[in-house]
Amino acid sequence: MIVFLSLAISYPTLAVAPHIFIDAYNNVLAVAMATAFSFPQAQKVKEYLKVDESKIAVAVAPVEAAKEED
């Protein structure tokens, strides 16, 4: 209960500290994703989220074929 109240009124307590750090990491990671700014942890996430267009085409083809049959 204290965590929720502290987060709602932006009052830092020891119980809220992990949430504050995770939120800050998420904000910095979002900036790194949207810009050329990077750091080692962001680079890992960028590599994980890198999309290969040919893999998408292979995954979508069976779905489109099923739609055409209906």
C-alpha atoms as a PDB file:
ATOM      1  CA  MET A   1       0.000   0.000   0.000  1.00  0.00           C
ATOM      2  CA  ILE A   2       2.834   2.386   0.817  1.00  0.00           C
ATOM      3  CA  VAL A   3       4.444   1.730  -2.567  1.00  0.00           C
ATOM      4  CA  PHE A   4       1.282   2.632  -4.469  1.00  0.00           C
ATOM      5  CA  LEU A   5       0.686   5.764  -2.436  1.00  0.00           C
ATOM      6  CA  SER A   6       4.318   6.866  -2.693  1.00  0.00           C
ATOM      7  CA  LEU A   7       4.316   6.347  -6.473  1.00  0.00           C
ATOM      8  CA  ALA A   8       1.031   8.209  -6.852  1.00  0.00           C
ATOM      9  CA  ILE A   9       2.238  11.311  -5.018  1.00  0.00           C
ATOM     10  CA  SER A  10       5.861  11.022  -6.242  1.00  0.00           C
ATOM     11  CA  TYR A  11       7.225  10.689  -2.721  1.00  0.00           C
ATOM     12  CA  PRO A  12      10.472   8.673  -2.687  1.00  0.00           C
ATOM     13  CA  THR A  13      10.704   5.904  -0.111  1.00  0.00           C
ATOM     14  CA  LEU A  14      12.906   2.839   0.161  1.00  0.00           C
ATOM     15  CA  ALA A  15      10.030   0.659  -1.013  1.00  0.00           C
ATOM     16  CA  VAL A  16       9.657   2.742  -4.189  1.00  0.00           C
ATOM     17  CA  ALA A  17      13.354   2.791  -5.108  1.00  0.00           C
ATOM     18  CA  PRO A  18      13.295  -0.303  -7.391  1.00  0.00           C
ATOM     19  CA  HIS A  19      10.344   1.127  -9.308  1.00  0.00           C
ATOM     20  CA  ILE A  20      12.090   4.478  -9.730  1.00  0.00           C
ATOM     21  CA  PHE A  21      15.219   2.813 -11.152  1.00  0.00           C
ATOM     22  CA  ILE A  22      13.232   0.601 -13.524  1.00  0.00           C
ATOM     23  CA  ASP A  23      11.197   3.569 -14.771  1.00  0.00           C
ATOM     24  CA  ALA A  24      14.386   5.572 -15.319  1.00  0.00           C
ATOM     25  CA  TYR A  25      15.946   2.672 -17.246  1.00  0.00           C
ATOM     26  CA  ASN A  26      12.831   2.385 -19.397  1.00  0.00           C
ATOM     27  CA  ASN A  27      12.963   6.109 -20.187  1.00  0.00           C
ATOM     28  CA  VAL A  28      16.637   6.015 -21.164  1.00  0.00           C
ATOM     29  CA  LEU A  29      16.058   2.859 -23.205  1.00  0.00           C
ATOM     30  CA  ALA A  30      13.180   4.550 -25.057  1.00  0.00           C
ATOM     31  CA  VAL A  31      15.458   7.471 -25.942  1.00  0.00           C
ATOM     32  CA  ALA A  32      18.142   5.049 -27.132  1.00  0.00           C
ATOM     33  CA  MET A  33      15.615   3.253 -29.338  1.00  0.00           C
ATOM     34  CA  ALA A  34      14.335   6.463 -30.920  1.00  0.00           C
ATOM     35  CA  THR A  35      17.751   8.046 -31.516  1.00  0.00           C
ATOM     36  CA  ALA A  36      21.305   7.090 -32.396  1.00  0.00           C
ATOM     37  CA  PHE A  37      22.285   7.210 -28.709  1.00  0.00           C
ATOM     38  CA  SER A  38      23.350   3.807 -27.455  1.00  0.00           C
ATOM     39  CA  PHE A  39      24.857   1.992 -24.487  1.00  0.00           C
ATOM     40  CA  PRO A  40      25.687  -1.715 -24.033  1.00  0.00           C
ATOM     41  CA  GLN A  41      22.327  -2.751 -22.582  1.00  0.00           C
ATOM     42  CA  ALA A  42      20.424  -0.784 -25.231  1.00  0.00           C
ATOM     43  CA  GLN A  43      22.501  -2.391 -27.958  1.00  0.00           C
ATOM     44  CA  LYS A  44      21.396  -5.840 -26.733  1.00  0.00           C
ATOM     45  CA  VAL A  45      17.759  -4.775 -26.885  1.00  0.00           C
ATOM     46  CA  LYS A  46      18.221  -3.222 -30.341  1.00  0.00           C
ATOM     47  CA  GLU A  47      19.703  -6.474 -31.632  1.00  0.00           C
ATOM     48  CA  TYR A  48      16.839  -8.425 -30.104  1.00  0.00           C
ATOM     49  CA  LEU A  49      14.257  -6.152 -31.710  1.00  0.00           C
ATOM     50  CA  LYS A  50      15.957  -6.018 -35.103  1.00  0.00           C
ATOM     51  CA  VAL A  51      13.462  -7.326 -37.627  1.00  0.00           C
ATOM     52  CA  ASP A  52      14.380  -9.313 -40.715  1.00  0.00           C
ATOM     53  CA  GLU A  53      11.811  -8.527 -43.420  1.00  0.00           C
ATOM     54  CA  SER A  54      12.166 -11.941 -45.065  1.00  0.00           C
ATOM     55  CA  LYS A  55      11.190 -13.666 -41.818  1.00  0.00           C
ATOM     56  CA  ILE A  56       8.052 -11.542 -41.621  1.00  0.00           C
ATOM     57  CA  ALA A  57       7.099 -12.438 -45.200  1.00  0.00           C
ATOM     58  CA  VAL A  58       7.507 -16.146 -44.438  1.00  0.00           C
ATOM     59  CA  ALA A  59       5.394 -15.853 -41.295  1.00  0.00           C
ATOM     60  CA  VAL A  60       2.617 -13.837 -42.960  1.00  0.00           C
ATOM     61  CA  ALA A  61       2.276 -15.987 -46.114  1.00  0.00           C
ATOM     62  CA  PRO A  62       0.403 -18.916 -44.446  1.00  0.00           C
ATOM     63  CA  VAL A  63      -2.008 -16.505 -42.764  1.00  0.00           C
ATOM     64  CA  GLU A  64      -2.783 -14.736 -46.039  1.00  0.00           C
ATOM     65  CA  ALA A  65      -3.228 -18.072 -47.826  1.00  0.00           C
ATOM     66  CA  ALA A  66      -5.721 -19.186 -45.182  1.00  0.00           C
ATOM     67  CA  LYS A  67      -7.686 -15.938 -45.587  1.00  0.00           C
ATOM     68  CA  GLU A  68      -7.893 -16.418 -49.352  1.00  0.00           C
ATOM     69  CA  GLU A  69      -9.300 -19.940 -48.948  1.00  0.00           C
ATOM     70  CA  ASP A  70     -12.209 -18.665 -46.826  1.00  0.00           C
END
